Amino acid sequence: HLFDECKIDYFAVSLPDLAIWEDDLNKRNRIHCNYVMGLGYLGLNNHERAGQFLQEVVAQDVNHLGAQIHLEMTLSCQEIKDLSQNTDNLHLYHLLVNL
């Protein structure tokens, strides 16, 4: 649905109430789709790809709390993964994983 053209599909009597929000529905849709894709990749343990989608969400809506929280999770997971690949830090990696 990322490239869907969104429009208000309500009865005309509802439109005056919605006029105060004046939000770009297509932008809201893109943000939501990127957020869901980021969560999906996070669930698949593909933290790099999840981070790309979540960064796009934060770039479009800096106040998106869910994207901020999950982006921080992806960055933390990537840091732990990087630690695990360095044999000097293997002991620290095992400590972090077993918290």
N, C-alpha and C. Protein backbone atom coordinates (compact mmCIF):
# COMPACT_ATOMS: atom_id res chain seq x y z
N HIS A 1 0.81 -1.21 0.00
CA HIS A 1 0.00 0.00 0.00
C HIS A 1 0.85 1.27 0.00
N LEU A 2 2.14 1.11 -0.05
CA LEU A 2 3.06 2.25 0.05
C LEU A 2 2.76 3.32 -1.00
N PHE A 3 2.38 2.92 -2.19
CA PHE A 3 2.17 3.88 -3.27
C PHE A 3 0.69 4.13 -3.57
N ASP A 4 -0.18 3.72 -2.64
CA ASP A 4 -1.61 3.97 -2.81
C ASP A 4 -1.90 5.46 -2.74
N GLU A 5 -2.87 5.89 -3.51
CA GLU A 5 -3.35 7.28 -3.47
C GLU A 5 -4.49 7.32 -2.45
N CYS A 6 -4.30 8.00 -1.35
CA CYS A 6 -5.29 8.03 -0.28
C CYS A 6 -6.20 9.24 -0.42
N LYS A 7 -7.45 9.04 -0.09
CA LYS A 7 -8.40 10.15 -0.10
C LYS A 7 -9.45 9.88 0.97
N ILE A 8 -10.10 10.91 1.40
CA ILE A 8 -11.13 10.80 2.42
C ILE A 8 -12.35 10.13 1.81
N ASP A 9 -12.83 9.12 2.48
CA ASP A 9 -13.97 8.38 1.98
C ASP A 9 -15.08 8.38 3.04
N TYR A 10 -15.56 9.59 3.33
CA TYR A 10 -16.58 9.76 4.35
C TYR A 10 -17.79 10.47 3.74
N PHE A 11 -18.90 10.41 4.45
CA PHE A 11 -20.06 11.19 4.05
C PHE A 11 -19.75 12.67 4.17
N ALA A 12 -20.38 13.48 3.38
CA ALA A 12 -20.10 14.92 3.36
C ALA A 12 -20.35 15.57 4.71
N VAL A 13 -21.23 15.03 5.52
CA VAL A 13 -21.50 15.65 6.82
C VAL A 13 -20.30 15.54 7.75
N SER A 14 -19.39 14.62 7.48
CA SER A 14 -18.20 14.45 8.33
C SER A 14 -17.07 15.39 7.92
N LEU A 15 -17.10 15.88 6.73
CA LEU A 15 -15.98 16.67 6.22
C LEU A 15 -15.68 17.94 7.01
N PRO A 16 -16.65 18.71 7.48
CA PRO A 16 -16.30 19.91 8.24
C PRO A 16 -15.46 19.62 9.47
N ASP A 17 -15.71 18.50 10.15
CA ASP A 17 -14.90 18.14 11.31
C ASP A 17 -13.48 17.79 10.91
N LEU A 18 -13.30 17.19 9.76
CA LEU A 18 -11.98 16.78 9.32
C LEU A 18 -11.16 17.95 8.77
N ALA A 19 -11.80 19.02 8.40
CA ALA A 19 -11.11 20.15 7.80
C ALA A 19 -10.09 20.77 8.77
N ILE A 20 -10.27 20.61 10.06
CA ILE A 20 -9.32 21.20 11.00
C ILE A 20 -8.00 20.45 11.03
N TRP A 21 -7.98 19.20 10.57
CA TRP A 21 -6.75 18.40 10.65
C TRP A 21 -5.83 18.67 9.47
N GLU A 22 -6.36 18.95 8.32
CA GLU A 22 -5.57 19.31 7.14
C GLU A 22 -4.25 18.54 7.06
N ASP A 23 -4.34 17.25 7.08
CA ASP A 23 -3.16 16.40 7.05
C ASP A 23 -3.03 15.79 5.66
N ASP A 24 -1.80 15.57 5.22
CA ASP A 24 -1.55 14.92 3.94
C ASP A 24 -1.72 13.41 4.14
N LEU A 25 -2.83 12.87 3.65
CA LEU A 25 -3.13 11.46 3.87
C LEU A 25 -2.11 10.55 3.19
N ASN A 26 -1.58 10.96 2.04
CA ASN A 26 -0.58 10.15 1.36
C ASN A 26 0.71 10.09 2.17
N LYS A 27 1.08 11.20 2.78
CA LYS A 27 2.28 11.22 3.62
C LYS A 27 2.06 10.32 4.84
N ARG A 28 0.90 10.42 5.48
CA ARG A 28 0.58 9.57 6.64
C ARG A 28 0.64 8.10 6.24
N ASN A 29 0.14 7.77 5.06
CA ASN A 29 0.16 6.39 4.57
C ASN A 29 1.59 5.91 4.37
N ARG A 30 2.44 6.74 3.75
CA ARG A 30 3.84 6.35 3.53
C ARG A 30 4.55 6.13 4.86
N ILE A 31 4.30 7.00 5.82
CA ILE A 31 4.91 6.86 7.15
C ILE A 31 4.49 5.54 7.78
N HIS A 32 3.19 5.27 7.73
CA HIS A 32 2.67 4.05 8.34
C HIS A 32 3.24 2.80 7.64
N CYS A 33 3.29 2.81 6.32
CA CYS A 33 3.81 1.66 5.59
C CYS A 33 5.28 1.42 5.90
N ASN A 34 6.08 2.48 5.93
CA ASN A 34 7.49 2.34 6.28
C ASN A 34 7.67 1.82 7.70
N TYR A 35 6.81 2.27 8.61
CA TYR A 35 6.87 1.83 10.00
C TYR A 35 6.56 0.33 10.09
N VAL A 36 5.53 -0.11 9.42
CA VAL A 36 5.15 -1.53 9.45
C VAL A 36 6.25 -2.38 8.81
N MET A 37 6.84 -1.91 7.70
CA MET A 37 7.93 -2.66 7.07
C MET A 37 9.14 -2.73 8.00
N GLY A 38 9.42 -1.63 8.69
CA GLY A 38 10.52 -1.63 9.65
C GLY A 38 10.28 -2.64 10.77
N LEU A 39 9.06 -2.69 11.28
CA LEU A 39 8.73 -3.66 12.33
C LEU A 39 8.84 -5.09 11.80
N GLY A 40 8.42 -5.29 10.58
CA GLY A 40 8.51 -6.62 9.97
C GLY A 40 9.94 -7.10 9.86
N TYR A 41 10.82 -6.23 9.37
CA TYR A 41 12.22 -6.61 9.25
C TYR A 41 12.86 -6.78 10.63
N LEU A 42 12.42 -6.01 11.59
CA LEU A 42 12.92 -6.18 12.96
C LEU A 42 12.53 -7.57 13.47
N GLY A 43 11.30 -7.99 13.20
CA GLY A 43 10.84 -9.31 13.60
C GLY A 43 11.60 -10.43 12.91
N LEU A 44 12.12 -10.15 11.73
CA LEU A 44 12.92 -11.14 10.99
C LEU A 44 14.40 -11.08 11.36
N ASN A 45 14.73 -10.26 12.34
CA ASN A 45 16.12 -10.04 12.79
C ASN A 45 17.01 -9.45 11.71
N ASN A 46 16.43 -8.74 10.76
CA ASN A 46 17.20 -8.02 9.75
C ASN A 46 17.27 -6.56 10.22
N HIS A 47 18.16 -6.31 11.16
CA HIS A 47 18.22 -5.01 11.81
C HIS A 47 18.68 -3.88 10.88
N GLU A 48 19.52 -4.23 9.95
CA GLU A 48 20.00 -3.20 9.01
C GLU A 48 18.84 -2.68 8.15
N ARG A 49 18.07 -3.62 7.59
CA ARG A 49 16.94 -3.22 6.73
C ARG A 49 15.85 -2.54 7.56
N ALA A 50 15.60 -3.04 8.77
CA ALA A 50 14.61 -2.42 9.67
C ALA A 50 15.01 -0.98 9.95
N GLY A 51 16.29 -0.77 10.21
CA GLY A 51 16.79 0.57 10.49
C GLY A 51 16.57 1.53 9.34
N GLN A 52 16.71 1.04 8.12
CA GLN A 52 16.51 1.89 6.94
C GLN A 52 15.06 2.40 6.88
N PHE A 53 14.11 1.50 7.09
CA PHE A 53 12.70 1.90 7.04
C PHE A 53 12.35 2.81 8.22
N LEU A 54 12.85 2.50 9.40
CA LEU A 54 12.53 3.31 10.58
C LEU A 54 13.18 4.69 10.50
N GLN A 55 14.36 4.78 9.90
CA GLN A 55 14.98 6.09 9.70
C GLN A 55 14.15 6.93 8.74
N GLU A 56 13.56 6.29 7.75
CA GLU A 56 12.69 7.01 6.81
C GLU A 56 11.47 7.57 7.55
N VAL A 57 10.91 6.79 8.47
CA VAL A 57 9.77 7.26 9.25
C VAL A 57 10.16 8.47 10.07
N VAL A 58 11.28 8.40 10.78
CA VAL A 58 11.72 9.51 11.63
C VAL A 58 12.06 10.74 10.78
N ALA A 59 12.58 10.52 9.58
CA ALA A 59 12.88 11.65 8.69
C ALA A 59 11.60 12.39 8.29
N GLN A 60 10.51 11.64 8.15
CA GLN A 60 9.25 12.26 7.74
C GLN A 60 8.41 12.73 8.92
N ASP A 61 8.60 12.11 10.08
CA ASP A 61 7.84 12.48 11.28
C ASP A 61 8.71 12.27 12.50
N VAL A 62 9.41 13.32 12.90
CA VAL A 62 10.35 13.23 14.01
C VAL A 62 9.66 12.89 15.33
N ASN A 63 8.36 13.09 15.41
CA ASN A 63 7.61 12.82 16.63
C ASN A 63 7.00 11.42 16.67
N HIS A 64 7.35 10.55 15.76
CA HIS A 64 6.81 9.20 15.73
C HIS A 64 7.54 8.37 16.80
N LEU A 65 6.92 8.25 17.95
CA LEU A 65 7.55 7.62 19.10
C LEU A 65 7.88 6.15 18.84
N GLY A 66 6.96 5.42 18.21
CA GLY A 66 7.21 4.01 17.93
C GLY A 66 8.43 3.81 17.07
N ALA A 67 8.58 4.64 16.04
CA ALA A 67 9.75 4.54 15.16
C ALA A 67 11.03 4.89 15.90
N GLN A 68 10.97 5.88 16.78
CA GLN A 68 12.15 6.26 17.55
C GLN A 68 12.60 5.12 18.46
N ILE A 69 11.65 4.51 19.15
CA ILE A 69 11.97 3.41 20.08
C ILE A 69 12.55 2.22 19.32
N HIS A 70 11.88 1.82 18.23
CA HIS A 70 12.34 0.65 17.50
C HIS A 70 13.63 0.92 16.73
N LEU A 71 13.85 2.15 16.30
CA LEU A 71 15.12 2.49 15.67
C LEU A 71 16.25 2.36 16.67
N GLU A 72 16.04 2.80 17.89
CA GLU A 72 17.05 2.65 18.94
C GLU A 72 17.33 1.16 19.19
N MET A 73 16.28 0.35 19.15
CA MET A 73 16.47 -1.10 19.31
C MET A 73 17.34 -1.67 18.20
N THR A 74 17.09 -1.26 16.97
CA THR A 74 17.88 -1.79 15.85
C THR A 74 19.34 -1.37 15.98
N LEU A 75 19.57 -0.14 16.40
CA LEU A 75 20.95 0.33 16.56
C LEU A 75 21.66 -0.44 17.66
N SER A 76 20.95 -0.71 18.76
CA SER A 76 21.53 -1.48 19.86
C SER A 76 21.86 -2.90 19.42
N CYS A 77 20.96 -3.51 18.68
CA CYS A 77 21.18 -4.88 18.19
C CYS A 77 22.36 -4.92 17.23
N GLN A 78 22.50 -3.90 16.40
CA GLN A 78 23.62 -3.86 15.46
C GLN A 78 24.94 -3.71 16.22
N GLU A 79 24.94 -2.91 17.28
CA GLU A 79 26.15 -2.75 18.08
C GLU A 79 26.53 -4.06 18.75
N ILE A 80 25.56 -4.78 19.28
CA ILE A 80 25.84 -6.07 19.91
C ILE A 80 26.36 -7.06 18.87
N LYS A 81 25.77 -7.04 17.67
CA LYS A 81 26.24 -7.93 16.60
C LYS A 81 27.68 -7.60 16.24
N ASP A 82 28.00 -6.30 16.17
CA ASP A 82 29.36 -5.90 15.85
C ASP A 82 30.34 -6.38 16.93
N LEU A 83 29.91 -6.33 18.19
CA LEU A 83 30.75 -6.82 19.28
C LEU A 83 31.02 -8.31 19.13
N SER A 84 30.01 -9.05 18.71
CA SER A 84 30.14 -10.50 18.60
C SER A 84 31.12 -10.90 17.50
N GLN A 85 31.30 -10.04 16.51
CA GLN A 85 32.18 -10.38 15.40
C GLN A 85 33.65 -10.08 15.71
N ASN A 86 33.89 -9.38 16.80
CA ASN A 86 35.25 -9.07 17.21
C ASN A 86 35.62 -10.02 18.35
N THR A 87 36.58 -10.90 18.10
CA THR A 87 36.93 -11.91 19.11
C THR A 87 37.46 -11.30 20.40
N ASP A 88 37.99 -10.09 20.34
CA ASP A 88 38.47 -9.42 21.55
C ASP A 88 37.31 -9.07 22.47
N ASN A 89 36.13 -8.87 21.91
CA ASN A 89 34.97 -8.47 22.68
C ASN A 89 33.99 -9.62 22.91
N LEU A 90 34.38 -10.84 22.62
CA LEU A 90 33.48 -11.98 22.72
C LEU A 90 32.93 -12.17 24.13
N HIS A 91 33.77 -11.97 25.13
CA HIS A 91 33.32 -12.10 26.52
C HIS A 91 32.25 -11.03 26.83
N LEU A 92 32.46 -9.79 26.40
CA LEU A 92 31.50 -8.71 26.61
C LEU A 92 30.20 -9.01 25.88
N TYR A 93 30.30 -9.57 24.69
CA TYR A 93 29.11 -9.95 23.93
C TYR A 93 28.27 -10.96 24.70
N HIS A 94 28.89 -11.99 25.23
CA HIS A 94 28.15 -12.99 25.99
C HIS A 94 27.51 -12.41 27.23
N LEU A 95 28.16 -11.45 27.86
CA LEU A 95 27.58 -10.78 29.02
C LEU A 95 26.31 -10.00 28.63
N LEU A 96 26.38 -9.29 27.50
CA LEU A 96 25.25 -8.50 27.05
C LEU A 96 24.08 -9.38 26.61
N VAL A 97 24.36 -10.46 25.94
CA VAL A 97 23.30 -11.34 25.46
C VAL A 97 22.58 -12.02 26.62
N ASN A 98 23.30 -12.31 27.68
CA ASN A 98 22.71 -13.02 28.82
C ASN A 98 22.12 -12.11 29.88
N LEU A 99 21.95 -10.83 29.60
CA LEU A 99 21.34 -9.91 30.57
C LEU A 99 19.89 -10.23 30.80
